[in-house]
N, C-alpha and C. Protein backbone atom coordinates (compact mmCIF):
# COMPACT_ATOMS: atom_id res chain seq x y z
N MET A 1 -3.71 -53.96 -80.57
CA MET A 1 -3.41 -55.28 -79.80
C MET A 1 -4.99 -55.76 -79.71
N ASP A 2 -5.11 -57.25 -80.24
CA ASP A 2 -6.74 -57.80 -79.99
C ASP A 2 -7.31 -57.77 -78.79
N GLN A 3 -8.97 -57.59 -79.22
CA GLN A 3 -9.40 -58.37 -77.58
C GLN A 3 -8.82 -59.05 -76.47
N ALA A 4 -8.86 -60.18 -77.65
CA ALA A 4 -8.66 -62.09 -76.93
C ALA A 4 -7.28 -61.72 -76.10
N LYS A 5 -5.95 -61.28 -76.99
CA LYS A 5 -4.53 -61.05 -76.29
C LYS A 5 -4.85 -60.33 -75.56
N TYR A 6 -5.31 -59.35 -75.55
CA TYR A 6 -5.63 -58.16 -74.25
C TYR A 6 -5.99 -58.77 -72.92
N GLU A 7 -7.21 -59.61 -73.16
CA GLU A 7 -8.40 -59.87 -72.19
C GLU A 7 -7.13 -61.25 -71.61
N GLN A 8 -6.55 -62.24 -72.36
CA GLN A 8 -5.47 -62.97 -72.03
C GLN A 8 -4.30 -62.28 -71.01
N MET A 9 -3.85 -60.83 -71.46
CA MET A 9 -2.69 -61.01 -70.97
C MET A 9 -3.09 -60.02 -69.46
N GLU A 10 -4.56 -59.47 -69.64
CA GLU A 10 -4.76 -58.91 -68.19
C GLU A 10 -5.04 -60.03 -67.24
N GLY A 11 -6.11 -61.17 -67.65
CA GLY A 11 -5.75 -62.32 -67.31
C GLY A 11 -4.95 -62.72 -66.83
N MET A 12 -3.73 -63.09 -66.68
CA MET A 12 -2.40 -63.52 -66.77
C MET A 12 -2.18 -62.60 -65.25
N LEU A 13 -1.65 -61.39 -65.45
CA LEU A 13 -1.87 -60.13 -64.47
C LEU A 13 -2.64 -60.63 -63.16
N HIS A 14 -4.06 -60.35 -63.69
CA HIS A 14 -4.94 -61.12 -62.34
C HIS A 14 -4.19 -62.54 -61.42
N LYS A 15 -4.25 -63.08 -62.51
CA LYS A 15 -3.17 -64.08 -61.60
C LYS A 15 -1.80 -64.53 -60.68
N LEU A 16 -1.35 -63.63 -61.45
CA LEU A 16 0.32 -62.98 -60.60
C LEU A 16 0.02 -62.79 -60.31
N GLU A 17 -1.10 -61.70 -59.83
CA GLU A 17 -1.26 -61.19 -58.36
C GLU A 17 -2.02 -61.61 -57.63
N ASP A 18 -2.59 -62.56 -57.98
CA ASP A 18 -3.26 -62.95 -57.04
C ASP A 18 -2.17 -64.08 -56.26
N ILE A 19 -0.96 -64.30 -57.47
CA ILE A 19 -0.44 -65.40 -56.50
C ILE A 19 0.74 -65.07 -55.02
N LYS A 20 1.31 -63.80 -55.76
CA LYS A 20 1.58 -62.67 -54.81
C LYS A 20 0.92 -62.13 -53.61
N ASN A 21 -0.51 -62.08 -53.90
CA ASN A 21 -1.00 -62.31 -52.29
C ASN A 21 -1.39 -63.13 -51.49
N SER A 22 -1.19 -64.39 -52.13
CA SER A 22 -1.10 -65.56 -51.41
C SER A 22 0.09 -65.80 -50.94
N GLN A 23 1.40 -65.39 -51.94
CA GLN A 23 2.56 -65.81 -50.83
C GLN A 23 2.93 -64.72 -49.70
N LYS A 24 2.11 -63.50 -49.57
CA LYS A 24 1.77 -62.79 -48.96
C LYS A 24 0.82 -63.68 -47.43
N SER A 25 0.12 -64.08 -47.89
CA SER A 25 -0.51 -64.65 -46.54
C SER A 25 0.07 -65.92 -46.23
N ILE A 26 0.79 -66.49 -46.69
CA ILE A 26 1.53 -67.29 -45.73
C ILE A 26 2.62 -66.83 -44.72
N ILE A 27 3.53 -65.42 -45.68
CA ILE A 27 4.29 -64.92 -44.68
C ILE A 27 3.75 -64.55 -43.27
N ASP A 28 2.50 -64.29 -43.79
CA ASP A 28 1.57 -63.78 -42.15
C ASP A 28 1.32 -64.59 -41.03
N LYS A 29 1.06 -65.94 -41.81
CA LYS A 29 0.88 -66.57 -41.32
C LYS A 29 1.77 -67.25 -40.68
N ILE A 30 3.08 -67.59 -41.28
CA ILE A 30 4.16 -68.19 -40.53
C ILE A 30 5.19 -67.22 -39.93
N ASN A 31 4.97 -65.56 -39.94
CA ASN A 31 4.55 -64.92 -38.52
C ASN A 31 4.17 -64.48 -37.62
N HIS A 32 2.97 -65.66 -37.91
CA HIS A 32 2.11 -65.68 -36.51
C HIS A 32 2.90 -66.83 -35.76
N VAL A 33 2.96 -67.91 -36.16
CA VAL A 33 3.87 -69.09 -35.88
C VAL A 33 4.72 -68.44 -35.02
N ILE A 34 5.59 -67.89 -35.87
CA ILE A 34 7.10 -67.25 -35.01
C ILE A 34 6.59 -66.67 -33.64
N THR A 35 5.95 -65.76 -33.71
CA THR A 35 5.58 -65.04 -32.24
C THR A 35 4.64 -65.87 -31.59
N ASP A 36 3.76 -67.02 -31.92
CA ASP A 36 3.27 -68.10 -30.74
C ASP A 36 4.38 -68.72 -30.48
N LEU A 37 5.44 -68.83 -30.86
CA LEU A 37 6.76 -69.15 -30.24
C LEU A 37 7.53 -69.12 -29.54
N PHE A 38 7.57 -66.99 -29.24
CA PHE A 38 7.70 -66.68 -28.04
C PHE A 38 7.60 -66.84 -26.59
N GLN A 39 6.10 -67.32 -26.81
CA GLN A 39 5.32 -67.83 -26.19
C GLN A 39 5.58 -69.74 -25.73
N HIS A 40 5.79 -70.57 -26.79
CA HIS A 40 6.54 -71.87 -26.23
C HIS A 40 7.38 -72.34 -26.91
N PRO A 41 8.79 -71.77 -26.61
CA PRO A 41 10.23 -71.91 -27.66
C PRO A 41 9.97 -73.76 -28.12
N ASP A 42 10.16 -73.48 -29.42
CA ASP A 42 10.97 -74.79 -29.98
C ASP A 42 11.61 -74.57 -30.71
N LYS A 43 13.12 -74.45 -30.92
CA LYS A 43 14.43 -74.03 -31.83
C LYS A 43 14.72 -74.79 -32.88
N ASP A 44 13.86 -75.86 -33.55
CA ASP A 44 13.42 -76.54 -34.38
C ASP A 44 12.95 -75.89 -35.35
N LEU A 45 11.44 -75.77 -34.68
CA LEU A 45 10.66 -74.77 -35.30
C LEU A 45 10.28 -73.52 -35.96
N GLU A 46 11.29 -72.71 -34.85
CA GLU A 46 11.66 -71.47 -35.11
C GLU A 46 12.78 -71.60 -36.50
N LYS A 47 13.57 -72.06 -36.24
CA LYS A 47 14.62 -72.50 -37.52
C LYS A 47 13.45 -72.69 -38.92
N ALA A 48 12.92 -73.57 -38.75
CA ALA A 48 12.27 -74.11 -39.78
C ALA A 48 11.27 -73.09 -40.03
N MET A 49 10.73 -72.11 -39.95
CA MET A 49 9.86 -70.92 -39.87
C MET A 49 10.36 -69.71 -40.56
N GLU A 50 11.73 -69.38 -39.27
CA GLU A 50 12.45 -68.40 -40.17
C GLU A 50 13.09 -68.38 -41.81
N GLY A 51 13.48 -70.09 -42.49
CA GLY A 51 13.96 -70.63 -43.36
C GLY A 51 12.53 -70.92 -44.03
N ALA A 52 11.34 -70.61 -43.86
CA ALA A 52 9.90 -70.77 -44.59
C ALA A 52 9.53 -69.10 -45.03
N HIS A 53 10.10 -68.68 -44.45
CA HIS A 53 9.68 -66.72 -44.17
C HIS A 53 10.41 -66.50 -45.07
N GLU A 54 11.94 -66.78 -45.31
CA GLU A 54 12.76 -66.67 -46.43
C GLU A 54 12.54 -66.55 -47.57
N ARG A 55 12.37 -67.92 -47.49
CA ARG A 55 11.92 -68.27 -49.46
C ARG A 55 10.91 -67.75 -49.81
N ALA A 56 9.49 -67.36 -48.81
CA ALA A 56 8.02 -67.36 -49.10
C ALA A 56 8.46 -65.38 -49.23
N SER A 57 9.57 -64.93 -48.73
CA SER A 57 9.52 -63.00 -49.16
C SER A 57 10.25 -63.30 -50.34
N GLU A 58 10.90 -64.08 -50.64
CA GLU A 58 12.26 -64.40 -51.75
C GLU A 58 10.93 -64.29 -52.87
N ASN A 59 9.91 -65.85 -52.84
CA ASN A 59 8.97 -65.91 -53.70
C ASN A 59 8.08 -64.25 -53.91
N VAL A 60 7.80 -63.88 -52.97
CA VAL A 60 7.21 -61.95 -53.39
C VAL A 60 8.08 -61.60 -54.43
N ASP A 61 9.46 -61.37 -54.11
CA ASP A 61 9.98 -60.88 -54.71
C ASP A 61 10.22 -61.29 -56.35
N LYS A 62 10.48 -62.47 -56.23
CA LYS A 62 10.15 -62.69 -57.75
C LYS A 62 9.06 -62.92 -58.66
N ILE A 63 7.54 -62.45 -57.68
CA ILE A 63 6.82 -62.62 -58.53
C ILE A 63 6.13 -60.89 -58.87
N ARG A 64 6.87 -59.73 -57.44
CA ARG A 64 6.61 -58.46 -58.14
C ARG A 64 7.61 -58.63 -59.40
N GLU A 65 9.02 -59.15 -59.52
CA GLU A 65 9.83 -58.46 -60.54
C GLU A 65 9.00 -59.30 -61.66
N ALA A 66 8.25 -60.73 -61.74
CA ALA A 66 7.70 -61.04 -63.18
C ALA A 66 6.19 -59.87 -63.64
N ILE A 67 5.46 -59.60 -62.82
CA ILE A 67 4.39 -58.36 -62.89
C ILE A 67 4.71 -57.44 -63.08
N GLU A 68 6.50 -56.79 -62.77
CA GLU A 68 6.88 -55.79 -63.26
C GLU A 68 7.28 -55.54 -64.79
N GLU A 69 7.98 -56.70 -64.93
CA GLU A 69 8.53 -57.12 -66.29
C GLU A 69 7.07 -57.46 -67.51
N TYR A 70 6.08 -58.16 -67.00
CA TYR A 70 5.39 -58.99 -67.57
C TYR A 70 4.40 -57.05 -67.94
N GLU A 71 3.73 -56.28 -66.93
CA GLU A 71 2.90 -55.04 -67.15
C GLU A 71 4.19 -53.97 -68.52
N ILE A 72 5.45 -54.94 -67.97
CA ILE A 72 5.74 -53.64 -69.31
C ILE A 72 5.69 -54.69 -71.09
N LYS A 73 4.99 -55.81 -70.84
CA LYS A 73 5.14 -56.45 -72.12
C LYS A 73 3.85 -56.17 -72.50
N PHE A 74 3.24 -56.09 -71.10
CA PHE A 74 1.69 -55.79 -71.75
C PHE A 74 1.20 -54.53 -72.21
N ASN A 75 1.74 -53.42 -72.11
CA ASN A 75 1.93 -52.03 -72.25
C ASN A 75 2.24 -51.96 -73.33
N LYS A 76 3.48 -52.25 -73.89
CA LYS A 76 4.47 -52.56 -75.02
C LYS A 76 2.81 -53.00 -76.54
N ALA A 77 2.38 -54.00 -75.72
CA ALA A 77 1.44 -54.71 -77.01
C ALA A 77 0.39 -53.65 -77.14
N GLN A 78 0.21 -52.93 -75.96
CA GLN A 78 -1.23 -51.98 -76.24
C GLN A 78 -1.10 -51.43 -76.74
N GLN A 79 0.37 -50.19 -77.66
CA GLN A 79 1.08 -49.12 -77.74
C GLN A 79 0.72 -49.93 -79.62
N ALA A 80 0.87 -51.41 -79.45
CA ALA A 80 1.19 -51.86 -81.13
C ALA A 80 0.11 -51.38 -81.97
């Protein structure tokens, strides 16, 4: 694999990791809101946060899968 291709693919992996970390941060913030709702209950907001948490968790899973698949391509390209 030439150096330009290597750097491009490596950069893509870093961006994907960044996205995954951002999603995890969103989950943490949602969890803080959910925790705060124990002190100040709001059923509508709780329902919204539970839905947001579920979607953010699904995003982390999908991004993790994408990273794994891209790493396989990256490793194969390195060996070629």
